[in-house]
Amino acid sequence: MCDYGLCKSERELSNFFVLLASNNRGFRFGNGSEFVIEFTFSALCFGNIMLIWFYFVVSVPGWLGHHLDLRLVRNQWLLIDPNIEFLMSEANEDKTFGDFREMGHRLAKEVIYFLKTKMDKASRFGSLGDIRLSFVGHSIGNLIIRAALADSIMEPFLSHLYTYVSVSGPHLGYLYSSNSLFNSGLWFLKKLKGTQCIHQLTFTDDPDIQNTFIYKLCKQKTLEHFRNIILLSSPQDGYVPYHSARIESCQAASRDTSKKGTLFLEMLNACLDQIRSNSTQRRVFMRCDVNFDPSTQGKNLDSIIGRAAHIEFLDSDIFASSLKPSAITSHPL
């Protein structure tokens, strides 16, 4: 079952995460003053059996991004719940010009290594209980996340997926992008060598749209395993088409009776079908609008082309503090 909602303010967005809150117990054990061992997982003891819960969160930056881009979000979540195991992905730093499939594979390997290292260490002290794996991505980092989830090596971990927070992600690519200045920049980048991801974003990686990367990605089941999906977007963000970040149609697409329009609707419906897919557990799906104070951005080239709001997602303390981690860290006790 899916719950559809719309948050117009940071207060409403914050309240949504708080509603999903529940208990979380830290774990620390030792022997007097001789030694103390601390782990950032949760654990409960039943007789002589220790059950250990893990809450993993993976953050993935966007194009030309740095692994610390989402540090404000991480810091806020860790202040509220220090038991979260946070992986700030570095696998694709300085490698975001290439093929999304390769970027996704690098991320998948990085995530698997991180998970196995943490779980192997914890398994020495008890039995692994519930494991929850959540992702937060910014910009094209969201396509890298979905490409990683589509990689066969991630299949054993799909059942552990819990919350997905997409921060201005171009899930439907740049079809029907209305920002002419930004589109001109993309056209120029495509003339350079080694910019495969730009061709994939604009559906020029193959003459037939049905053979393009994003069309095929939309057909792969990268969203249906999450229990919570939150799509954050801003109408002020000119770097990512508004409808693409929200996984919804737009006026230009609804008027397009050509093959391109038909295939766009196929991609859209394929994504929504995953979100609406049958689930044995309650599923939450939200589209949230974030409106930044334009007075803080000033009048400059960044605000004119829409980059200011795109970066504000990363630099705003107010925005970061509104993203409570309860949807990620809640556990069934």
Foldseek 3Di string as FASTA:
>chain_A
DEDEDEAAELQVLLVVLVVLFDDFAADKDDDPPPDIDGALWGWDDDPPAIETEAFEEEEFEDDLDDLCLQVLLVVLQCVVRVSYHYHSDPQCNVNRQADLLVLLCSVLVVVVVVVVVRVVVCVVPHHYDQYAYEYEYAEQSVSSQLSNLLDPVCVVVLLRYEEYEYHQYQLLACVPQPQPVLVVVLVVVVVDPSRLVSCLSVCNNDPDSCPGDSLVSLQGLSDQNYQEYEQEDEPQASNHRRCRSQLHDDPVLVPDPDPVSVSSVVSSVSNVCSQVPDDPDHGYYYYYYYDDDVVVVDDDPCSVNRNSVSSCCSVPSSSSNSNHCRSRRHDDD
